Amino acid sequence: MTKTSPPAPVDESRLRPAGRATRTAIVDAARSLFAERGFEAASVRAIAAEAGVDPAMVIRHFGSKEALFLRAIDTSIGIGAVLDGPLESLGRRLVSYFIESGPISRRGTYLALAQAAHHPQVRDEMVRITAEAYIAPLAPRLEGEHRELRVALLVAQVGGLLSMLYQQEDPSLTSAGTTAIVELYGDAMQQLLTP
């Protein structure tokens, strides 16, 4: 028995206004449910119900749940502005940015990404984001050897912190004050940037 590929997603540029409205409703519903429930619990059927469309429309427009997820979730998490500031204080700024909630909870976004990371399409996107959003802008600003590796390790440290806070909900971190975490972990991360 051969496995069939999901249908190719609809080309957005060819949609009529009603089709664009349907697509927007699906993305909005997906964004909300992925952030609220995580990747696994936000089913295509639930997203379709929230958007007021048939589940087949979700697949017709996006091709797969993973493709819809990547369209709905801001995988870069708007990090550019944080990286643009002074290199000497970047460690603390990064920690502060990730542990303080923004308009849309970074916690929900992180958990959804972590749940979906085993899917090749999502994993490939996360690797691309690390390369484009972190390594490309930061590595040229660093001095010394292993610049790209140091930035990749910085991203790994952010991931470790978020895992302890949001997945494991480790009480030694969840009960600590934000200021202490920003100072201690930010200064540890800074060692990769300005050793």
C-alpha atoms as a PDB file:
ATOM      1  CA  MET A   1       0.000   0.000   0.000  1.00  0.00           C
ATOM      2  CA  THR A   2       1.539   3.311  -1.032  1.00  0.00           C
ATOM      3  CA  LYS A   3       1.251   6.369   1.117  1.00  0.00           C
ATOM      4  CA  THR A   4      -0.208   9.395  -0.629  1.00  0.00           C
ATOM      5  CA  SER A   5       1.092  12.875  -0.043  1.00  0.00           C
ATOM      6  CA  PRO A   6      -1.217  15.534   1.319  1.00  0.00           C
ATOM      7  CA  PRO A   7      -2.621  17.860  -1.320  1.00  0.00           C
ATOM      8  CA  ALA A   8      -0.538  20.876  -2.238  1.00  0.00           C
ATOM      9  CA  PRO A   9      -1.739  23.973  -0.396  1.00  0.00           C
ATOM     10  CA  VAL A  10      -3.763  26.569  -2.243  1.00  0.00           C
ATOM     11  CA  ASP A  11      -1.747  29.391  -3.814  1.00  0.00           C
ATOM     12  CA  GLU A  12      -2.818  32.414  -1.775  1.00  0.00           C
ATOM     13  CA  SER A  13      -2.226  34.848  -4.647  1.00  0.00           C
ATOM     14  CA  ARG A  14      -4.934  33.081  -6.664  1.00  0.00           C
ATOM     15  CA  LEU A  15      -7.648  33.326  -4.008  1.00  0.00           C
ATOM     16  CA  ARG A  16     -10.753  35.458  -4.304  1.00  0.00           C
ATOM     17  CA  PRO A  17     -11.726  37.709  -1.382  1.00  0.00           C
ATOM     18  CA  ALA A  18     -13.961  35.013   0.151  1.00  0.00           C
ATOM     19  CA  GLY A  19     -11.109  32.503  -0.067  1.00  0.00           C
ATOM     20  CA  ARG A  20      -8.721  34.964   1.568  1.00  0.00           C
ATOM     21  CA  ALA A  21     -11.245  35.550   4.359  1.00  0.00           C
ATOM     22  CA  THR A  22     -11.556  31.793   4.904  1.00  0.00           C
ATOM     23  CA  ARG A  23      -7.776  31.426   4.986  1.00  0.00           C
ATOM     24  CA  THR A  24      -7.456  34.292   7.474  1.00  0.00           C
ATOM     25  CA  ALA A  25     -10.149  32.772   9.710  1.00  0.00           C
ATOM     26  CA  ILE A  26      -8.314  29.435   9.689  1.00  0.00           C
ATOM     27  CA  VAL A  27      -4.954  31.034  10.563  1.00  0.00           C
ATOM     28  CA  ASP A  28      -6.521  33.112  13.348  1.00  0.00           C
ATOM     29  CA  ALA A  29      -8.245  30.059  14.825  1.00  0.00           C
ATOM     30  CA  ALA A  30      -5.062  27.998  14.545  1.00  0.00           C
ATOM     31  CA  ARG A  31      -2.941  30.704  16.185  1.00  0.00           C
ATOM     32  CA  SER A  32      -5.320  30.862  19.122  1.00  0.00           C
ATOM     33  CA  LEU A  33      -5.715  27.098  19.572  1.00  0.00           C
ATOM     34  CA  PHE A  34      -2.035  26.245  19.112  1.00  0.00           C
ATOM     35  CA  ALA A  35      -1.056  28.826  21.728  1.00  0.00           C
ATOM     36  CA  GLU A  36      -3.848  27.734  24.094  1.00  0.00           C
ATOM     37  CA  ARG A  37      -3.714  23.947  23.681  1.00  0.00           C
ATOM     38  CA  GLY A  38      -0.357  23.190  22.103  1.00  0.00           C
ATOM     39  CA  PHE A  39       0.356  21.456  18.823  1.00  0.00           C
ATOM     40  CA  GLU A  40      -0.911  17.970  19.651  1.00  0.00           C
ATOM     41  CA  ALA A  41      -4.202  18.977  21.306  1.00  0.00           C
ATOM     42  CA  ALA A  42      -5.177  21.524  18.663  1.00  0.00           C
ATOM     43  CA  SER A  43      -6.711  19.195  16.096  1.00  0.00           C
ATOM     44  CA  VAL A  44      -7.540  20.129  12.524  1.00  0.00           C
ATOM     45  CA  ARG A  45     -11.184  19.459  13.379  1.00  0.00           C
ATOM     46  CA  ALA A  46     -11.061  21.888  16.353  1.00  0.00           C
ATOM     47  CA  ILE A  47      -9.330  24.552  14.267  1.00  0.00           C
ATOM     48  CA  ALA A  48     -11.937  24.164  11.536  1.00  0.00           C
ATOM     49  CA  ALA A  49     -14.783  24.414  14.061  1.00  0.00           C
ATOM     50  CA  GLU A  50     -13.259  27.567  15.557  1.00  0.00           C
ATOM     51  CA  ALA A  51     -12.890  29.069  12.067  1.00  0.00           C
ATOM     52  CA  GLY A  52     -16.409  28.008  11.041  1.00  0.00           C
ATOM     53  CA  VAL A  53     -15.255  25.856   8.114  1.00  0.00           C
ATOM     54  CA  ASP A  54     -15.172  22.196   7.147  1.00  0.00           C
ATOM     55  CA  PRO A  55     -11.957  20.372   8.222  1.00  0.00           C
ATOM     56  CA  ALA A  56     -11.270  19.549   4.566  1.00  0.00           C
ATOM     57  CA  MET A  57     -10.912  23.297   3.922  1.00  0.00           C
ATOM     58  CA  VAL A  58      -8.043  23.477   6.395  1.00  0.00           C
ATOM     59  CA  ILE A  59      -6.102  20.809   4.511  1.00  0.00           C
ATOM     60  CA  ARG A  60      -7.116  22.262   1.141  1.00  0.00           C
ATOM     61  CA  HIS A  61      -5.720  25.677   2.099  1.00  0.00           C
ATOM     62  CA  PHE A  62      -2.542  24.558   3.888  1.00  0.00           C
ATOM     63  CA  GLY A  63      -1.786  20.989   2.884  1.00  0.00           C
ATOM     64  CA  SER A  64      -1.038  19.757   6.414  1.00  0.00           C
ATOM     65  CA  LYS A  65      -1.417  20.605  10.073  1.00  0.00           C
ATOM     66  CA  GLU A  66       2.344  21.237  10.240  1.00  0.00           C
ATOM     67  CA  ALA A  67       2.210  23.765   7.394  1.00  0.00           C
ATOM     68  CA  LEU A  68      -0.706  25.539   9.057  1.00  0.00           C
ATOM     69  CA  PHE A  69       1.190  25.546  12.348  1.00  0.00           C
ATOM     70  CA  LEU A  70       4.209  27.204  10.726  1.00  0.00           C
ATOM     71  CA  ARG A  71       1.957  29.807   9.148  1.00  0.00           C
ATOM     72  CA  ALA A  72       0.073  30.532  12.384  1.00  0.00           C
ATOM     73  CA  ILE A  73       2.923  30.595  14.904  1.00  0.00           C
ATOM     74  CA  ASP A  74       5.545  33.325  14.831  1.00  0.00           C
ATOM     75  CA  THR A  75       8.552  31.007  14.898  1.00  0.00           C
ATOM     76  CA  SER A  76      10.997  33.899  15.031  1.00  0.00           C
ATOM     77  CA  ILE A  77       9.122  35.231  18.064  1.00  0.00           C
ATOM     78  CA  GLY A  78      10.025  38.791  17.029  1.00  0.00           C
ATOM     79  CA  ILE A  79      13.586  38.543  18.294  1.00  0.00           C
ATOM     80  CA  GLY A  80      15.204  41.000  15.849  1.00  0.00           C
ATOM     81  CA  ALA A  81      14.745  44.117  17.981  1.00  0.00           C
ATOM     82  CA  VAL A  82      16.275  42.397  21.022  1.00  0.00           C
ATOM     83  CA  LEU A  83      19.380  41.374  19.082  1.00  0.00           C
ATOM     84  CA  ASP A  84      19.913  44.848  17.626  1.00  0.00           C
ATOM     85  CA  GLY A  85      20.884  46.460  20.932  1.00  0.00           C
ATOM     86  CA  PRO A  86      24.322  46.615  22.555  1.00  0.00           C
ATOM     87  CA  LEU A  87      26.148  43.295  22.546  1.00  0.00           C
ATOM     88  CA  GLU A  88      27.470  43.864  26.090  1.00  0.00           C
ATOM     89  CA  SER A  89      23.983  43.558  27.627  1.00  0.00           C
ATOM     90  CA  LEU A  90      22.419  41.053  25.228  1.00  0.00           C
ATOM     91  CA  GLY A  91      22.455  38.093  27.633  1.00  0.00           C
ATOM     92  CA  ARG A  92      20.215  39.823  30.163  1.00  0.00           C
ATOM     93  CA  ARG A  93      17.974  41.293  27.434  1.00  0.00           C
ATOM     94  CA  LEU A  94      17.404  37.856  25.914  1.00  0.00           C
ATOM     95  CA  VAL A  95      16.478  36.274  29.232  1.00  0.00           C
ATOM     96  CA  SER A  96      14.183  39.163  30.095  1.00  0.00           C
ATOM     97  CA  TYR A  97      12.517  39.022  26.691  1.00  0.00           C
ATOM     98  CA  PHE A  98      11.764  35.312  26.889  1.00  0.00           C
ATOM     99  CA  ILE A  99      10.555  35.057  30.471  1.00  0.00           C
ATOM    100  CA  GLU A 100       8.392  38.159  30.559  1.00  0.00           C
ATOM    101  CA  SER A 101       5.078  37.633  28.768  1.00  0.00           C
ATOM    102  CA  GLY A 102       4.299  39.826  25.808  1.00  0.00           C
ATOM    103  CA  PRO A 103       0.951  40.578  24.170  1.00  0.00           C
ATOM    104  CA  ILE A 104       0.715  36.904  23.145  1.00  0.00           C
ATOM    105  CA  SER A 105       2.210  34.533  25.669  1.00  0.00           C
ATOM    106  CA  ARG A 106       5.671  33.384  24.686  1.00  0.00           C
ATOM    107  CA  ARG A 107       5.023  30.423  26.955  1.00  0.00           C
ATOM    108  CA  GLY A 108       2.229  29.141  24.723  1.00  0.00           C
ATOM    109  CA  THR A 109       4.327  29.675  21.605  1.00  0.00           C
ATOM    110  CA  TYR A 110       7.328  27.876  23.098  1.00  0.00           C
ATOM    111  CA  LEU A 111       5.247  24.913  24.271  1.00  0.00           C
ATOM    112  CA  ALA A 112       3.570  24.565  20.881  1.00  0.00           C
ATOM    113  CA  LEU A 113       6.961  24.656  19.125  1.00  0.00           C
ATOM    114  CA  ALA A 114       8.449  22.135  21.552  1.00  0.00           C
ATOM    115  CA  GLN A 115       5.538  19.739  21.010  1.00  0.00           C
ATOM    116  CA  ALA A 116       5.788  19.988  17.235  1.00  0.00           C
ATOM    117  CA  ALA A 117       9.593  19.859  16.950  1.00  0.00           C
ATOM    118  CA  HIS A 118       9.645  16.141  16.123  1.00  0.00           C
ATOM    119  CA  HIS A 119       7.851  16.790  12.824  1.00  0.00           C
ATOM    120  CA  PRO A 120      10.500  17.214  10.091  1.00  0.00           C
ATOM    121  CA  GLN A 121       8.824  20.258   8.533  1.00  0.00           C
ATOM    122  CA  VAL A 122       8.693  22.069  11.897  1.00  0.00           C
ATOM    123  CA  ARG A 123      12.214  20.979  12.888  1.00  0.00           C
ATOM    124  CA  ASP A 124      13.605  22.223   9.565  1.00  0.00           C
ATOM    125  CA  GLU A 125      11.890  25.576  10.103  1.00  0.00           C
ATOM    126  CA  MET A 126      13.342  25.874  13.601  1.00  0.00           C
ATOM    127  CA  VAL A 127      16.848  25.170  12.238  1.00  0.00           C
ATOM    128  CA  ARG A 128      16.286  27.797   9.550  1.00  0.00           C
ATOM    129  CA  ILE A 129      15.116  30.343  12.116  1.00  0.00           C
ATOM    130  CA  THR A 130      18.181  29.704  14.294  1.00  0.00           C
ATOM    131  CA  ALA A 131      20.424  30.288  11.291  1.00  0.00           C
ATOM    132  CA  GLU A 132      18.606  33.359   9.954  1.00  0.00           C
ATOM    133  CA  ALA A 133      17.275  35.077  13.078  1.00  0.00           C
ATOM    134  CA  TYR A 134      20.189  34.422  15.443  1.00  0.00           C
ATOM    135  CA  ILE A 135      23.394  33.215  13.785  1.00  0.00           C
ATOM    136  CA  ALA A 136      23.337  35.471  10.708  1.00  0.00           C
ATOM    137  CA  PRO A 137      22.859  38.759  12.603  1.00  0.00           C
ATOM    138  CA  LEU A 138      24.896  37.915  15.718  1.00  0.00           C
ATOM    139  CA  ALA A 139      27.933  35.918  14.586  1.00  0.00           C
ATOM    140  CA  PRO A 140      29.512  38.785  12.582  1.00  0.00           C
ATOM    141  CA  ARG A 141      29.287  41.033  15.650  1.00  0.00           C
ATOM    142  CA  LEU A 142      31.242  38.648  17.878  1.00  0.00           C
ATOM    143  CA  GLU A 143      34.991  38.613  18.275  1.00  0.00           C
ATOM    144  CA  GLY A 144      37.189  35.556  18.527  1.00  0.00           C
ATOM    145  CA  GLU A 145      36.789  31.989  17.360  1.00  0.00           C
ATOM    146  CA  HIS A 146      33.744  29.740  16.929  1.00  0.00           C
ATOM    147  CA  ARG A 147      31.342  32.638  16.471  1.00  0.00           C
ATOM    148  CA  GLU A 148      28.525  30.643  14.830  1.00  0.00           C
ATOM    149  CA  LEU A 149      28.890  27.828  17.343  1.00  0.00           C
ATOM    150  CA  ARG A 150      28.735  30.309  20.228  1.00  0.00           C
ATOM    151  CA  VAL A 151      25.470  31.761  18.894  1.00  0.00           C
ATOM    152  CA  ALA A 152      23.999  28.268  18.413  1.00  0.00           C
ATOM    153  CA  LEU A 153      24.935  27.448  22.018  1.00  0.00           C
ATOM    154  CA  LEU A 154      23.286  30.694  23.119  1.00  0.00           C
ATOM    155  CA  VAL A 155      20.063  29.546  21.427  1.00  0.00           C
ATOM    156  CA  ALA A 156      20.455  26.174  23.169  1.00  0.00           C
ATOM    157  CA  GLN A 157      20.727  27.959  26.516  1.00  0.00           C
ATOM    158  CA  VAL A 158      17.523  29.884  25.819  1.00  0.00           C
ATOM    159  CA  GLY A 159      15.815  26.591  24.964  1.00  0.00           C
ATOM    160  CA  GLY A 160      17.051  25.000  28.191  1.00  0.00           C
ATOM    161  CA  LEU A 161      15.747  27.878  30.276  1.00  0.00           C
ATOM    162  CA  LEU A 162      12.348  27.785  28.594  1.00  0.00           C
ATOM    163  CA  SER A 163      12.137  24.019  29.010  1.00  0.00           C
ATOM    164  CA  MET A 164      12.817  24.276  32.758  1.00  0.00           C
ATOM    165  CA  LEU A 165      10.325  27.105  33.169  1.00  0.00           C
ATOM    166  CA  TYR A 166       7.485  26.070  30.888  1.00  0.00           C
ATOM    167  CA  GLN A 167       7.675  22.314  30.310  1.00  0.00           C
ATOM    168  CA  GLN A 168       9.131  21.040  33.560  1.00  0.00           C
ATOM    169  CA  GLU A 169       7.859  23.977  35.632  1.00  0.00           C
ATOM    170  CA  ASP A 170      10.813  23.460  37.950  1.00  0.00           C
ATOM    171  CA  PRO A 171       9.940  25.088  41.298  1.00  0.00           C
ATOM    172  CA  SER A 172      13.463  26.396  41.837  1.00  0.00           C
ATOM    173  CA  LEU A 173      12.928  28.529  38.721  1.00  0.00           C
ATOM    174  CA  THR A 174       9.196  29.209  38.862  1.00  0.00           C
ATOM    175  CA  SER A 175       9.460  30.492  42.436  1.00  0.00           C
ATOM    176  CA  ALA A 176      12.545  32.611  41.758  1.00  0.00           C
ATOM    177  CA  GLY A 177      12.162  36.271  41.051  1.00  0.00           C
ATOM    178  CA  THR A 178      12.470  37.457  37.467  1.00  0.00           C
ATOM    179  CA  THR A 179      15.297  39.825  38.393  1.00  0.00           C
ATOM    180  CA  ALA A 180      17.460  37.032  39.812  1.00  0.00           C
ATOM    181  CA  ILE A 181      16.911  34.824  36.753  1.00  0.00           C
ATOM    182  CA  VAL A 182      17.653  37.681  34.350  1.00  0.00           C
ATOM    183  CA  GLU A 183      20.863  38.583  36.173  1.00  0.00           C
ATOM    184  CA  LEU A 184      22.217  35.087  36.832  1.00  0.00           C
ATOM    185  CA  TYR A 185      21.252  33.374  33.588  1.00  0.00           C
ATOM    186  CA  GLY A 186      21.755  36.468  31.463  1.00  0.00           C
ATOM    187  CA  ASP A 187      25.305  36.847  32.758  1.00  0.00           C
ATOM    188  CA  ALA A 188      25.992  33.135  32.110  1.00  0.00           C
ATOM    189  CA  MET A 189      24.741  33.506  28.529  1.00  0.00           C
ATOM    190  CA  GLN A 190      26.794  36.663  28.107  1.00  0.00           C
ATOM    191  CA  GLN A 191      29.959  34.572  28.470  1.00  0.00           C
ATOM    192  CA  LEU A 192      29.284  33.099  25.027  1.00  0.00           C
ATOM    193  CA  LEU A 193      28.924  36.534  23.499  1.00  0.00           C
ATOM    194  CA  THR A 194      31.664  38.530  25.177  1.00  0.00           C
ATOM    195  CA  PRO A 195      33.968  36.054  26.974  1.00  0.00           C
END
